[in-house]
Amino acid sequence: MRQFWAGRLDAVSVIVDHAIELGELPADTDPAAFMQAMSAPLYRRLLVTCEPITERNTDLGAAAALAAVQAGVLRTPA
């Protein structure tokens, strides 16, 4: 399980790093925190409420994670 999530984090880190290079995300964005914020609502639906995941759910998860980044909540730990 740890290897699986480490691979996912590596993939998300590449995307976050690219967004930082483009100026779309702050330089101190924590990729792991971003991934967790983005995916937590989806896993809640999948594992807790057993509801289907829709495109709207994925859009909302991404928008919430982006808002948290922009508010300075998902910074890399010092």
PDB file of N, CA and C in Angstrom:
ATOM      1  N   MET A   1       0.827  -1.184   0.000  1.00  0.00           N
ATOM      2  CA  MET A   1       0.000   0.000   0.000  1.00  0.00           C
ATOM      3  C   MET A   1       0.876   1.254   0.000  1.00  0.00           C
ATOM      4  N   ARG A   2       1.931   1.230   0.814  1.00  0.00           N
ATOM      5  CA  ARG A   2       2.827   2.396   0.865  1.00  0.00           C
ATOM      6  C   ARG A   2       3.474   2.653  -0.486  1.00  0.00           C
ATOM      7  N   GLN A   3       3.878   1.578  -1.175  1.00  0.00           N
ATOM      8  CA  GLN A   3       4.490   1.740  -2.493  1.00  0.00           C
ATOM      9  C   GLN A   3       3.492   2.318  -3.492  1.00  0.00           C
ATOM     10  N   PHE A   4       2.265   1.851  -3.425  1.00  0.00           N
ATOM     11  CA  PHE A   4       1.231   2.362  -4.316  1.00  0.00           C
ATOM     12  C   PHE A   4       1.067   3.862  -4.130  1.00  0.00           C
ATOM     13  N   TRP A   5       0.910   4.310  -2.877  1.00  0.00           N
ATOM     14  CA  TRP A   5       0.689   5.731  -2.615  1.00  0.00           C
ATOM     15  C   TRP A   5       1.934   6.555  -2.873  1.00  0.00           C
ATOM     16  N   ALA A   6       3.118   5.972  -2.673  1.00  0.00           N
ATOM     17  CA  ALA A   6       4.352   6.692  -3.004  1.00  0.00           C
ATOM     18  C   ALA A   6       4.409   6.956  -4.507  1.00  0.00           C
ATOM     19  N   GLY A   7       3.985   6.003  -5.296  1.00  0.00           N
ATOM     20  CA  GLY A   7       3.924   6.197  -6.757  1.00  0.00           C
ATOM     21  C   GLY A   7       2.935   7.267  -7.146  1.00  0.00           C
ATOM     22  N   ARG A   8       1.790   7.301  -6.481  1.00  0.00           N
ATOM     23  CA  ARG A   8       0.786   8.332  -6.770  1.00  0.00           C
ATOM     24  C   ARG A   8       1.326   9.703  -6.394  1.00  0.00           C
ATOM     25  N   LEU A   9       2.018   9.780  -5.255  1.00  0.00           N
ATOM     26  CA  LEU A   9       2.583  11.047  -4.816  1.00  0.00           C
ATOM     27  C   LEU A   9       3.645  11.528  -5.793  1.00  0.00           C
ATOM     28  N   ASP A  10       4.449  10.607  -6.296  1.00  0.00           N
ATOM     29  CA  ASP A  10       5.453  10.988  -7.294  1.00  0.00           C
ATOM     30  C   ASP A  10       4.786  11.601  -8.523  1.00  0.00           C
ATOM     31  N   ALA A  11       3.710  10.990  -8.978  1.00  0.00           N
ATOM     32  CA  ALA A  11       3.000  11.500 -10.152  1.00  0.00           C
ATOM     33  C   ALA A  11       2.392  12.874  -9.888  1.00  0.00           C
ATOM     34  N   VAL A  12       1.776  13.034  -8.728  1.00  0.00           N
ATOM     35  CA  VAL A  12       1.173  14.321  -8.382  1.00  0.00           C
ATOM     36  C   VAL A  12       2.251  15.373  -8.176  1.00  0.00           C
ATOM     37  N   SER A  13       3.381  14.988  -7.627  1.00  0.00           N
ATOM     38  CA  SER A  13       4.469  15.939  -7.402  1.00  0.00           C
ATOM     39  C   SER A  13       4.961  16.538  -8.711  1.00  0.00           C
ATOM     40  N   VAL A  14       5.028  15.737  -9.753  1.00  0.00           N
ATOM     41  CA  VAL A  14       5.441  16.238 -11.070  1.00  0.00           C
ATOM     42  C   VAL A  14       4.444  17.291 -11.556  1.00  0.00           C
ATOM     43  N   ILE A  15       3.171  17.031 -11.370  1.00  0.00           N
ATOM     44  CA  ILE A  15       2.132  17.973 -11.805  1.00  0.00           C
ATOM     45  C   ILE A  15       2.195  19.249 -10.972  1.00  0.00           C
ATOM     46  N   VAL A  16       2.331  19.111  -9.650  1.00  0.00           N
ATOM     47  CA  VAL A  16       2.419  20.276  -8.769  1.00  0.00           C
ATOM     48  C   VAL A  16       3.668  21.092  -9.099  1.00  0.00           C
ATOM     49  N   ASP A  17       4.801  20.420  -9.299  1.00  0.00           N
ATOM     50  CA  ASP A  17       6.036  21.134  -9.646  1.00  0.00           C
ATOM     51  C   ASP A  17       5.888  21.907 -10.949  1.00  0.00           C
ATOM     52  N   HIS A  18       5.246  21.315 -11.918  1.00  0.00           N
ATOM     53  CA  HIS A  18       5.021  21.995 -13.195  1.00  0.00           C
ATOM     54  C   HIS A  18       4.114  23.213 -13.019  1.00  0.00           C
ATOM     55  N   ALA A  19       3.064  23.062 -12.233  1.00  0.00           N
ATOM     56  CA  ALA A  19       2.161  24.188 -11.964  1.00  0.00           C
ATOM     57  C   ALA A  19       2.898  25.307 -11.225  1.00  0.00           C
ATOM     58  N   ILE A  20       3.834  24.954 -10.350  1.00  0.00           N
ATOM     59  CA  ILE A  20       4.643  25.963  -9.658  1.00  0.00           C
ATOM     60  C   ILE A  20       5.520  26.697 -10.670  1.00  0.00           C
ATOM     61  N   GLU A  21       6.163  25.947 -11.567  1.00  0.00           N
ATOM     62  CA  GLU A  21       7.014  26.550 -12.595  1.00  0.00           C
ATOM     63  C   GLU A  21       6.232  27.517 -13.476  1.00  0.00           C
ATOM     64  N   LEU A  22       4.978  27.196 -13.740  1.00  0.00           N
ATOM     65  CA  LEU A  22       4.133  28.055 -14.577  1.00  0.00           C
ATOM     66  C   LEU A  22       3.542  29.230 -13.810  1.00  0.00           C
ATOM     67  N   GLY A  23       3.764  29.251 -12.496  1.00  0.00           N
ATOM     68  CA  GLY A  23       3.208  30.313 -11.671  1.00  0.00           C
ATOM     69  C   GLY A  23       1.750  30.114 -11.313  1.00  0.00           C
ATOM     70  N   GLU A  24       1.250  28.898 -11.519  1.00  0.00           N
ATOM     71  CA  GLU A  24      -0.155  28.602 -11.232  1.00  0.00           C
ATOM     72  C   GLU A  24      -0.386  28.233  -9.769  1.00  0.00           C
ATOM     73  N   LEU A  25       0.672  27.808  -9.081  1.00  0.00           N
ATOM     74  CA  LEU A  25       0.599  27.472  -7.656  1.00  0.00           C
ATOM     75  C   LEU A  25       1.757  28.154  -6.946  1.00  0.00           C
ATOM     76  N   PRO A  26       1.578  28.478  -5.660  1.00  0.00           N
ATOM     77  CA  PRO A  26       2.681  29.069  -4.893  1.00  0.00           C
ATOM     78  C   PRO A  26       3.869  28.109  -4.806  1.00  0.00           C
ATOM     79  N   ALA A  27       5.055  28.662  -4.709  1.00  0.00           N
ATOM     80  CA  ALA A  27       6.284  27.867  -4.691  1.00  0.00           C
ATOM     81  C   ALA A  27       6.367  26.919  -3.500  1.00  0.00           C
ATOM     82  N   ASP A  28       5.687  27.230  -2.417  1.00  0.00           N
ATOM     83  CA  ASP A  28       5.775  26.390  -1.215  1.00  0.00           C
ATOM     84  C   ASP A  28       4.619  25.395  -1.086  1.00  0.00           C
ATOM     85  N   THR A  29       3.954  25.096  -2.200  1.00  0.00           N
ATOM     86  CA  THR A  29       2.854  24.129  -2.169  1.00  0.00           C
ATOM     87  C   THR A  29       3.384  22.739  -1.840  1.00  0.00           C
ATOM     88  N   ASP A  30       2.740  22.070  -0.888  1.00  0.00           N
ATOM     89  CA  ASP A  30       3.112  20.715  -0.474  1.00  0.00           C
ATOM     90  C   ASP A  30       2.348  19.710  -1.352  1.00  0.00           C
ATOM     91  N   PRO A  31       3.054  19.000  -2.240  1.00  0.00           N
ATOM     92  CA  PRO A  31       2.361  18.062  -3.139  1.00  0.00           C
ATOM     93  C   PRO A  31       1.556  16.993  -2.400  1.00  0.00           C
ATOM     94  N   ALA A  32       2.088  16.473  -1.285  1.00  0.00           N
ATOM     95  CA  ALA A  32       1.364  15.433  -0.540  1.00  0.00           C
ATOM     96  C   ALA A  32       0.081  15.985   0.062  1.00  0.00           C
ATOM     97  N   ALA A  33       0.148  17.178   0.620  1.00  0.00           N
ATOM     98  CA  ALA A  33      -1.051  17.797   1.197  1.00  0.00           C
ATOM     99  C   ALA A  33      -2.062  18.111   0.101  1.00  0.00           C
ATOM    100  N   PHE A  34      -1.569  18.542  -1.047  1.00  0.00           N
ATOM    101  CA  PHE A  34      -2.456  18.840  -2.179  1.00  0.00           C
ATOM    102  C   PHE A  34      -3.180  17.567  -2.619  1.00  0.00           C
ATOM    103  N   MET A  35      -2.423  16.474  -2.766  1.00  0.00           N
ATOM    104  CA  MET A  35      -3.032  15.214  -3.184  1.00  0.00           C
ATOM    105  C   MET A  35      -4.078  14.757  -2.172  1.00  0.00           C
ATOM    106  N   GLN A  36      -3.757  14.881  -0.892  1.00  0.00           N
ATOM    107  CA  GLN A  36      -4.701  14.460   0.141  1.00  0.00           C
ATOM    108  C   GLN A  36      -5.966  15.310   0.098  1.00  0.00           C
ATOM    109  N   ALA A  37      -5.809  16.629  -0.033  1.00  0.00           N
ATOM    110  CA  ALA A  37      -6.974  17.519  -0.073  1.00  0.00           C
ATOM    111  C   ALA A  37      -7.840  17.250  -1.296  1.00  0.00           C
ATOM    112  N   MET A  38      -7.198  16.936  -2.398  1.00  0.00           N
ATOM    113  CA  MET A  38      -7.929  16.707  -3.636  1.00  0.00           C
ATOM    114  C   MET A  38      -8.660  15.363  -3.625  1.00  0.00           C
ATOM    115  N   SER A  39      -8.017  14.349  -3.052  1.00  0.00           N
ATOM    116  CA  SER A  39      -8.588  13.007  -3.149  1.00  0.00           C
ATOM    117  C   SER A  39      -9.472  12.594  -1.968  1.00  0.00           C
ATOM    118  N   ALA A  40      -9.325  13.245  -0.828  1.00  0.00           N
ATOM    119  CA  ALA A  40     -10.092  12.838   0.357  1.00  0.00           C
ATOM    120  C   ALA A  40     -11.609  12.813   0.118  1.00  0.00           C
ATOM    121  N   PRO A  41     -12.176  13.842  -0.519  1.00  0.00           N
ATOM    122  CA  PRO A  41     -13.636  13.784  -0.742  1.00  0.00           C
ATOM    123  C   PRO A  41     -14.045  12.613  -1.635  1.00  0.00           C
ATOM    124  N   LEU A  42     -13.173  12.241  -2.564  1.00  0.00           N
ATOM    125  CA  LEU A  42     -13.498  11.130  -3.463  1.00  0.00           C
ATOM    126  C   LEU A  42     -13.466   9.799  -2.713  1.00  0.00           C
ATOM    127  N   TYR A  43     -12.437   9.620  -1.889  1.00  0.00           N
ATOM    128  CA  TYR A  43     -12.351   8.383  -1.121  1.00  0.00           C
ATOM    129  C   TYR A  43     -13.451   8.299  -0.073  1.00  0.00           C
ATOM    130  N   ARG A  44     -13.884   9.415   0.452  1.00  0.00           N
ATOM    131  CA  ARG A  44     -15.013   9.409   1.386  1.00  0.00           C
ATOM    132  C   ARG A  44     -16.249   8.853   0.696  1.00  0.00           C
ATOM    133  N   ARG A  45     -16.523   9.354  -0.517  1.00  0.00           N
ATOM    134  CA  ARG A  45     -17.683   8.858  -1.261  1.00  0.00           C
ATOM    135  C   ARG A  45     -17.530   7.367  -1.558  1.00  0.00           C
ATOM    136  N   LEU A  46     -16.347   6.990  -1.965  1.00  0.00           N
ATOM    137  CA  LEU A  46     -16.105   5.609  -2.382  1.00  0.00           C
ATOM    138  C   LEU A  46     -16.145   4.627  -1.221  1.00  0.00           C
ATOM    139  N   LEU A  47     -15.498   4.978  -0.115  1.00  0.00           N
ATOM    140  CA  LEU A  47     -15.318   4.022   0.978  1.00  0.00           C
ATOM    141  C   LEU A  47     -16.269   4.194   2.159  1.00  0.00           C
ATOM    142  N   VAL A  48     -16.759   5.418   2.389  1.00  0.00           N
ATOM    143  CA  VAL A  48     -17.603   5.652   3.559  1.00  0.00           C
ATOM    144  C   VAL A  48     -19.078   5.632   3.186  1.00  0.00           C
ATOM    145  N   THR A  49     -19.445   6.435   2.196  1.00  0.00           N
ATOM    146  CA  THR A  49     -20.861   6.523   1.846  1.00  0.00           C
ATOM    147  C   THR A  49     -21.263   5.606   0.692  1.00  0.00           C
ATOM    148  N   CYS A  50     -20.254   4.975   0.048  1.00  0.00           N
ATOM    149  CA  CYS A  50     -20.488   4.039  -1.069  1.00  0.00           C
ATOM    150  C   CYS A  50     -21.282   4.680  -2.204  1.00  0.00           C
ATOM    151  N   GLU A  51     -21.037   5.964  -2.412  1.00  0.00           N
ATOM    152  CA  GLU A  51     -21.680   6.672  -3.511  1.00  0.00           C
ATOM    153  C   GLU A  51     -20.764   6.656  -4.732  1.00  0.00           C
ATOM    154  N   PRO A  52     -21.333   6.761  -5.915  1.00  0.00           N
ATOM    155  CA  PRO A  52     -20.482   6.812  -7.103  1.00  0.00           C
ATOM    156  C   PRO A  52     -19.726   8.139  -7.165  1.00  0.00           C
ATOM    157  N   ILE A  53     -18.582   8.101  -7.814  1.00  0.00           N
ATOM    158  CA  ILE A  53     -17.799   9.311  -8.036  1.00  0.00           C
ATOM    159  C   ILE A  53     -18.161   9.841  -9.417  1.00  0.00           C
ATOM    160  N   THR A  54     -18.544  11.096  -9.445  1.00  0.00           N
ATOM    161  CA  THR A  54     -18.945  11.725 -10.698  1.00  0.00           C
ATOM    162  C   THR A  54     -17.916  12.767 -11.118  1.00  0.00           C
ATOM    163  N   GLU A  55     -18.036  13.246 -12.321  1.00  0.00           N
ATOM    164  CA  GLU A  55     -17.148  14.303 -12.800  1.00  0.00           C
ATOM    165  C   GLU A  55     -17.286  15.549 -11.925  1.00  0.00           C
ATOM    166  N   ARG A  56     -18.495  15.832 -11.481  1.00  0.00           N
ATOM    167  CA  ARG A  56     -18.711  16.981 -10.587  1.00  0.00           C
ATOM    168  C   ARG A  56     -17.930  16.805  -9.284  1.00  0.00           C
ATOM    169  N   ASN A  57     -17.923  15.592  -8.747  1.00  0.00           N
ATOM    170  CA  ASN A  57     -17.161  15.337  -7.514  1.00  0.00           C
ATOM    171  C   ASN A  57     -15.674  15.569  -7.716  1.00  0.00           C
ATOM    172  N   THR A  58     -15.141  15.117  -8.838  1.00  0.00           N
ATOM    173  CA  THR A  58     -13.720  15.328  -9.101  1.00  0.00           C
ATOM    174  C   THR A  58     -13.417  16.806  -9.292  1.00  0.00           C
ATOM    175  N   ASP A  59     -14.302  17.518  -9.974  1.00  0.00           N
ATOM    176  CA  ASP A  59     -14.117  18.965 -10.156  1.00  0.00           C
ATOM    177  C   ASP A  59     -14.145  19.689  -8.812  1.00  0.00           C
ATOM    178  N   LEU A  60     -15.077  19.306  -7.944  1.00  0.00           N
ATOM    179  CA  LEU A  60     -15.168  19.942  -6.624  1.00  0.00           C
ATOM    180  C   LEU A  60     -13.941  19.656  -5.771  1.00  0.00           C
ATOM    181  N   GLY A  61     -13.432  18.429  -5.814  1.00  0.00           N
ATOM    182  CA  GLY A  61     -12.230  18.086  -5.065  1.00  0.00           C
ATOM    183  C   GLY A  61     -11.031  18.899  -5.535  1.00  0.00           C
ATOM    184  N   ALA A  62     -10.890  19.025  -6.838  1.00  0.00           N
ATOM    185  CA  ALA A  62      -9.782  19.814  -7.387  1.00  0.00           C
ATOM    186  C   ALA A  62      -9.940  21.287  -7.032  1.00  0.00           C
ATOM    187  N   ALA A  63     -11.151  21.803  -7.125  1.00  0.00           N
ATOM    188  CA  ALA A  63     -11.390  23.221  -6.806  1.00  0.00           C
ATOM    189  C   ALA A  63     -11.130  23.500  -5.320  1.00  0.00           C
ATOM    190  N   ALA A  64     -11.525  22.576  -4.461  1.00  0.00           N
ATOM    191  CA  ALA A  64     -11.291  22.757  -3.020  1.00  0.00           C
ATOM    192  C   ALA A  64      -9.796  22.734  -2.713  1.00  0.00           C
ATOM    193  N   ALA A  65      -9.068  21.815  -3.333  1.00  0.00           N
ATOM    194  CA  ALA A  65      -7.622  21.752  -3.117  1.00  0.00           C
ATOM    195  C   ALA A  65      -6.950  23.014  -3.637  1.00  0.00           C
ATOM    196  N   LEU A  66      -7.365  23.497  -4.782  1.00  0.00           N
ATOM    197  CA  LEU A  66      -6.793  24.723  -5.333  1.00  0.00           C
ATOM    198  C   LEU A  66      -7.086  25.916  -4.426  1.00  0.00           C
ATOM    199  N   ALA A  67      -8.300  26.002  -3.917  1.00  0.00           N
ATOM    200  CA  ALA A  67      -8.646  27.103  -3.004  1.00  0.00           C
ATOM    201  C   ALA A  67      -7.800  27.037  -1.736  1.00  0.00           C
ATOM    202  N   ALA A  68      -7.568  25.834  -1.230  1.00  0.00           N
ATOM    203  CA  ALA A  68      -6.735  25.682  -0.031  1.00  0.00           C
ATOM    204  C   ALA A  68      -5.298  26.110  -0.311  1.00  0.00           C
ATOM    205  N   VAL A  69      -4.769  25.752  -1.474  1.00  0.00           N
ATOM    206  CA  VAL A  69      -3.412  26.169  -1.856  1.00  0.00           C
ATOM    207  C   VAL A  69      -3.341  27.695  -1.932  1.00  0.00           C
ATOM    208  N   GLN A  70      -4.310  28.275  -2.605  1.00  0.00           N
ATOM    209  CA  GLN A  70      -4.307  29.724  -2.788  1.00  0.00           C
ATOM    210  C   GLN A  70      -4.472  30.469  -1.462  1.00  0.00           C
ATOM    211  N   ALA A  71      -5.113  29.832  -0.496  1.00  0.00           N
ATOM    212  CA  ALA A  71      -5.276  30.453   0.833  1.00  0.00           C
ATOM    213  C   ALA A  71      -4.054  30.220   1.723  1.00  0.00           C
ATOM    214  N   GLY A  72      -3.072  29.485   1.221  1.00  0.00           N
ATOM    215  CA  GLY A  72      -1.857  29.253   1.997  1.00  0.00           C
ATOM    216  C   GLY A  72      -1.964  28.119   2.986  1.00  0.00           C
ATOM    217  N   VAL A  73      -2.982  27.285   2.841  1.00  0.00           N
ATOM    218  CA  VAL A  73      -3.205  26.217   3.803  1.00  0.00           C
ATOM    219  C   VAL A  73      -2.326  24.989   3.535  1.00  0.00           C
ATOM    220  N   LEU A  74      -1.953  24.751   2.288  1.00  0.00           N
ATOM    221  CA  LEU A  74      -1.236  23.538   1.918  1.00  0.00           C
ATOM    222  C   LEU A  74       0.228  23.826   1.611  1.00  0.00           C
ATOM    223  N   ARG A  75       0.906  24.448   2.554  1.00  0.00           N
ATOM    224  CA  ARG A  75       2.315  24.786   2.389  1.00  0.00           C
ATOM    225  C   ARG A  75       3.190  23.614   2.801  1.00  0.00           C
ATOM    226  N   THR A  76       4.367  23.535   2.202  1.00  0.00           N
ATOM    227  CA  THR A  76       5.357  22.541   2.586  1.00  0.00           C
ATOM    228  C   THR A  76       5.773  22.798   4.036  1.00  0.00           C
ATOM    229  N   PRO A  77       5.813  21.734   4.843  1.00  0.00           N
ATOM    230  CA  PRO A  77       6.210  21.932   6.262  1.00  0.00           C
ATOM    231  C   PRO A  77       7.625  22.504   6.347  1.00  0.00           C
ATOM    232  N   ALA A  78       7.830  23.364   7.328  1.00  0.00           N
ATOM    233  CA  ALA A  78       9.150  23.997   7.497  1.00  0.00           C
ATOM    234  C   ALA A  78      10.142  23.058   8.124  1.00  0.00           C
TER     235      ALA A  78
END
